[in-house]
Amino acid sequence: MKYGSANNSRRHLEKRLFLLPLAWVVFGIGEVYALRFLLGSILNIAPTIPNDKPIGGAIFPVLFFNVAAVLGVLSVSLYSLGVWNIDLSRRKDKADLGALVTLVTGGLLLWYVPLAFFFVVASIVYLLAVNIE
């Protein structure tokens, strides 16, 4: 009985390992096209002013986009390797996932709404506060 469950777990892990190449290919191609889309004609797409502050105006949102893409690929990689398991039956995991979604959404909204920075900071503070052990 124990051997069968270990074999089943191994098969499940092997299936999840197939996500790795897919995740990295999607990341690479997606990042190239997204950066080309954003930086190709940045003045028409992103709401920046020609004499805007460089950090708040363009560099911080682009940097956040790049970091969010890397973290997304890293989380898919850790999930497919079996290191990170999401258990949505626990309330803490749901709250952590909600804070992570708020962090990514708020960071991407920095292009359009500067007040989204407070949502980013609040979600970072929450994630740091509950995950310090």
C-alpha atoms as a PDB file:
ATOM      1  CA  MET A   1       0.000   0.000   0.000  1.00  0.00           C
ATOM      2  CA  LYS A   2       2.788   2.392   0.906  1.00  0.00           C
ATOM      3  CA  TYR A   3       4.753   1.540  -2.239  1.00  0.00           C
ATOM      4  CA  GLY A   4       1.750   2.279  -4.443  1.00  0.00           C
ATOM      5  CA  SER A   5       1.238   5.731  -2.947  1.00  0.00           C
ATOM      6  CA  ALA A   6       4.946   6.558  -3.378  1.00  0.00           C
ATOM      7  CA  ASN A   7       4.774   5.441  -7.001  1.00  0.00           C
ATOM      8  CA  ASN A   8       1.653   7.542  -7.541  1.00  0.00           C
ATOM      9  CA  SER A   9       3.359  10.551  -5.943  1.00  0.00           C
ATOM     10  CA  ARG A  10       6.353  10.061  -8.210  1.00  0.00           C
ATOM     11  CA  ARG A  11       4.125   9.958 -11.301  1.00  0.00           C
ATOM     12  CA  HIS A  12       2.419  13.142 -10.150  1.00  0.00           C
ATOM     13  CA  LEU A  13       5.803  14.843  -9.718  1.00  0.00           C
ATOM     14  CA  GLU A  14       6.917  13.691 -13.161  1.00  0.00           C
ATOM     15  CA  LYS A  15       3.817  15.267 -14.684  1.00  0.00           C
ATOM     16  CA  ARG A  16       4.487  18.514 -12.846  1.00  0.00           C
ATOM     17  CA  LEU A  17       8.083  18.538 -14.120  1.00  0.00           C
ATOM     18  CA  PHE A  18       6.728  18.996 -17.634  1.00  0.00           C
ATOM     19  CA  LEU A  19       5.603  22.460 -16.542  1.00  0.00           C
ATOM     20  CA  LEU A  20       9.219  23.646 -16.240  1.00  0.00           C
ATOM     21  CA  PRO A  21      10.132  23.918 -19.922  1.00  0.00           C
ATOM     22  CA  LEU A  22       6.722  25.335 -20.720  1.00  0.00           C
ATOM     23  CA  ALA A  23       7.009  27.962 -17.980  1.00  0.00           C
ATOM     24  CA  TRP A  24      10.484  29.069 -19.055  1.00  0.00           C
ATOM     25  CA  VAL A  25       9.564  29.228 -22.748  1.00  0.00           C
ATOM     26  CA  VAL A  26       6.453  31.255 -22.001  1.00  0.00           C
ATOM     27  CA  PHE A  27       8.510  33.489 -19.716  1.00  0.00           C
ATOM     28  CA  GLY A  28      11.222  34.103 -22.293  1.00  0.00           C
ATOM     29  CA  ILE A  29       8.934  34.755 -25.226  1.00  0.00           C
ATOM     30  CA  GLY A  30       6.434  36.652 -23.094  1.00  0.00           C
ATOM     31  CA  GLU A  31       9.075  38.913 -21.637  1.00  0.00           C
ATOM     32  CA  VAL A  32      10.546  39.712 -25.028  1.00  0.00           C
ATOM     33  CA  TYR A  33       7.167  40.595 -26.500  1.00  0.00           C
ATOM     34  CA  ALA A  34       5.966  42.422 -23.387  1.00  0.00           C
ATOM     35  CA  LEU A  35       9.088  44.557 -23.157  1.00  0.00           C
ATOM     36  CA  ARG A  36       8.943  45.186 -26.885  1.00  0.00           C
ATOM     37  CA  PHE A  37       5.313  46.168 -26.487  1.00  0.00           C
ATOM     38  CA  LEU A  38       6.021  48.415 -23.496  1.00  0.00           C
ATOM     39  CA  LEU A  39       9.317  49.912 -24.577  1.00  0.00           C
ATOM     40  CA  GLY A  40       8.750  49.930 -28.340  1.00  0.00           C
ATOM     41  CA  SER A  41       6.577  53.011 -28.159  1.00  0.00           C
ATOM     42  CA  ILE A  42       6.535  53.730 -24.454  1.00  0.00           C
ATOM     43  CA  LEU A  43       5.223  57.266 -24.897  1.00  0.00           C
ATOM     44  CA  ASN A  44       2.022  56.027 -26.535  1.00  0.00           C
ATOM     45  CA  ILE A  45       1.317  53.130 -24.159  1.00  0.00           C
ATOM     46  CA  ALA A  46       2.509  54.111 -20.710  1.00  0.00           C
ATOM     47  CA  PRO A  47       1.127  57.333 -19.253  1.00  0.00           C
ATOM     48  CA  THR A  48       4.446  59.127 -18.795  1.00  0.00           C
ATOM     49  CA  ILE A  49       5.176  62.816 -19.093  1.00  0.00           C
ATOM     50  CA  PRO A  50       8.336  63.776 -21.040  1.00  0.00           C
ATOM     51  CA  ASN A  51       9.811  65.606 -18.013  1.00  0.00           C
ATOM     52  CA  ASP A  52       8.501  63.102 -15.468  1.00  0.00           C
ATOM     53  CA  LYS A  53      10.601  61.813 -12.600  1.00  0.00           C
ATOM     54  CA  PRO A  54      12.453  58.757 -13.894  1.00  0.00           C
ATOM     55  CA  ILE A  55      11.957  56.481 -10.874  1.00  0.00           C
ATOM     56  CA  GLY A  56       8.254  57.008 -10.301  1.00  0.00           C
ATOM     57  CA  GLY A  57       7.432  57.670 -13.926  1.00  0.00           C
ATOM     58  CA  ALA A  58       8.870  54.722 -15.809  1.00  0.00           C
ATOM     59  CA  ILE A  59      11.749  52.863 -14.171  1.00  0.00           C
ATOM     60  CA  PHE A  60       9.877  51.578 -11.103  1.00  0.00           C
ATOM     61  CA  PRO A  61       6.877  50.148 -13.034  1.00  0.00           C
ATOM     62  CA  VAL A  62       9.108  48.499 -15.648  1.00  0.00           C
ATOM     63  CA  LEU A  63      11.317  47.060 -12.911  1.00  0.00           C
ATOM     64  CA  PHE A  64       8.260  45.764 -11.074  1.00  0.00           C
ATOM     65  CA  PHE A  65       6.958  44.165 -14.269  1.00  0.00           C
ATOM     66  CA  ASN A  66      10.265  42.374 -14.773  1.00  0.00           C
ATOM     67  CA  VAL A  67      10.497  41.216 -11.134  1.00  0.00           C
ATOM     68  CA  ALA A  68       6.857  40.036 -11.173  1.00  0.00           C
ATOM     69  CA  ALA A  69       7.524  37.992 -14.316  1.00  0.00           C
ATOM     70  CA  VAL A  70      10.621  36.394 -12.776  1.00  0.00           C
ATOM     71  CA  LEU A  71       8.766  35.617  -9.530  1.00  0.00           C
ATOM     72  CA  GLY A  72       5.902  34.076 -11.485  1.00  0.00           C
ATOM     73  CA  VAL A  73       8.234  31.773 -13.369  1.00  0.00           C
ATOM     74  CA  LEU A  74      10.082  30.947 -10.162  1.00  0.00           C
ATOM     75  CA  SER A  75       6.842  30.028  -8.383  1.00  0.00           C
ATOM     76  CA  VAL A  76       5.731  27.795 -11.267  1.00  0.00           C
ATOM     77  CA  SER A  77       9.178  26.176 -11.224  1.00  0.00           C
ATOM     78  CA  LEU A  78       9.063  25.538  -7.474  1.00  0.00           C
ATOM     79  CA  TYR A  79       5.545  24.135  -7.773  1.00  0.00           C
ATOM     80  CA  SER A  80       6.500  21.829 -10.623  1.00  0.00           C
ATOM     81  CA  LEU A  81       9.556  20.574  -8.714  1.00  0.00           C
ATOM     82  CA  GLY A  82       7.367  19.795  -5.712  1.00  0.00           C
ATOM     83  CA  VAL A  83       9.125  22.233  -3.377  1.00  0.00           C
ATOM     84  CA  TRP A  84       6.144  24.587  -3.018  1.00  0.00           C
ATOM     85  CA  ASN A  85       2.727  23.064  -2.450  1.00  0.00           C
ATOM     86  CA  ILE A  86      -0.384  25.213  -2.296  1.00  0.00           C
ATOM     87  CA  ASP A  87      -3.079  24.009   0.107  1.00  0.00           C
ATOM     88  CA  LEU A  88      -6.140  26.207  -0.429  1.00  0.00           C
ATOM     89  CA  SER A  89      -8.045  24.499   2.368  1.00  0.00           C
ATOM     90  CA  ARG A  90      -6.021  26.496   4.922  1.00  0.00           C
ATOM     91  CA  ARG A  91      -6.997  30.083   5.624  1.00  0.00           C
ATOM     92  CA  LYS A  92      -3.374  31.307   5.829  1.00  0.00           C
ATOM     93  CA  ASP A  93      -2.577  30.003   2.346  1.00  0.00           C
ATOM     94  CA  LYS A  94      -5.637  31.750   0.928  1.00  0.00           C
ATOM     95  CA  ALA A  95      -4.641  35.019   2.620  1.00  0.00           C
ATOM     96  CA  ASP A  96      -1.045  34.682   1.385  1.00  0.00           C
ATOM     97  CA  LEU A  97      -2.210  34.023  -2.160  1.00  0.00           C
ATOM     98  CA  GLY A  98      -4.572  37.015  -1.948  1.00  0.00           C
ATOM     99  CA  ALA A  99      -1.735  39.243  -0.740  1.00  0.00           C
ATOM    100  CA  LEU A 100       0.471  37.992  -3.569  1.00  0.00           C
ATOM    101  CA  VAL A 101      -2.234  38.744  -6.150  1.00  0.00           C
ATOM    102  CA  THR A 102      -2.688  42.206  -4.575  1.00  0.00           C
ATOM    103  CA  LEU A 103       1.060  42.774  -4.767  1.00  0.00           C
ATOM    104  CA  VAL A 104       1.294  41.865  -8.448  1.00  0.00           C
ATOM    105  CA  THR A 105      -1.886  43.713  -9.425  1.00  0.00           C
ATOM    106  CA  GLY A 106      -0.887  46.822  -7.496  1.00  0.00           C
ATOM    107  CA  GLY A 107       2.569  46.767  -9.027  1.00  0.00           C
ATOM    108  CA  LEU A 108       1.183  46.543 -12.542  1.00  0.00           C
ATOM    109  CA  LEU A 109      -1.294  49.328 -11.776  1.00  0.00           C
ATOM    110  CA  LEU A 110       1.633  51.614 -10.933  1.00  0.00           C
ATOM    111  CA  TRP A 111       1.685  52.541 -14.624  1.00  0.00           C
ATOM    112  CA  TYR A 112      -1.705  54.195 -14.345  1.00  0.00           C
ATOM    113  CA  VAL A 113      -2.490  54.903 -10.672  1.00  0.00           C
ATOM    114  CA  PRO A 114       0.353  56.077  -8.428  1.00  0.00           C
ATOM    115  CA  LEU A 115      -1.784  55.370  -5.347  1.00  0.00           C
ATOM    116  CA  ALA A 116      -1.446  51.659  -6.105  1.00  0.00           C
ATOM    117  CA  PHE A 117       1.946  51.968  -4.447  1.00  0.00           C
ATOM    118  CA  PHE A 118       0.203  51.846  -1.052  1.00  0.00           C
ATOM    119  CA  PHE A 119      -1.416  48.510  -1.936  1.00  0.00           C
ATOM    120  CA  VAL A 120       2.010  47.200  -2.919  1.00  0.00           C
ATOM    121  CA  VAL A 121       3.541  48.348   0.369  1.00  0.00           C
ATOM    122  CA  ALA A 122       0.606  46.976   2.412  1.00  0.00           C
ATOM    123  CA  SER A 123       0.840  43.549   0.772  1.00  0.00           C
ATOM    124  CA  ILE A 124       4.630  43.449   1.254  1.00  0.00           C
ATOM    125  CA  VAL A 125       4.227  44.357   4.939  1.00  0.00           C
ATOM    126  CA  TYR A 126       1.575  41.642   5.338  1.00  0.00           C
ATOM    127  CA  LEU A 127       3.705  38.998   3.618  1.00  0.00           C
ATOM    128  CA  LEU A 128       6.731  39.913   5.719  1.00  0.00           C
ATOM    129  CA  ALA A 129       4.761  40.030   8.965  1.00  0.00           C
ATOM    130  CA  VAL A 130       3.040  36.651   8.662  1.00  0.00           C
ATOM    131  CA  ASN A 131       5.913  34.703   7.143  1.00  0.00           C
ATOM    132  CA  ILE A 132       8.652  35.553   9.637  1.00  0.00           C
ATOM    133  CA  GLU A 133       9.232  32.459  11.721  1.00  0.00           C
END
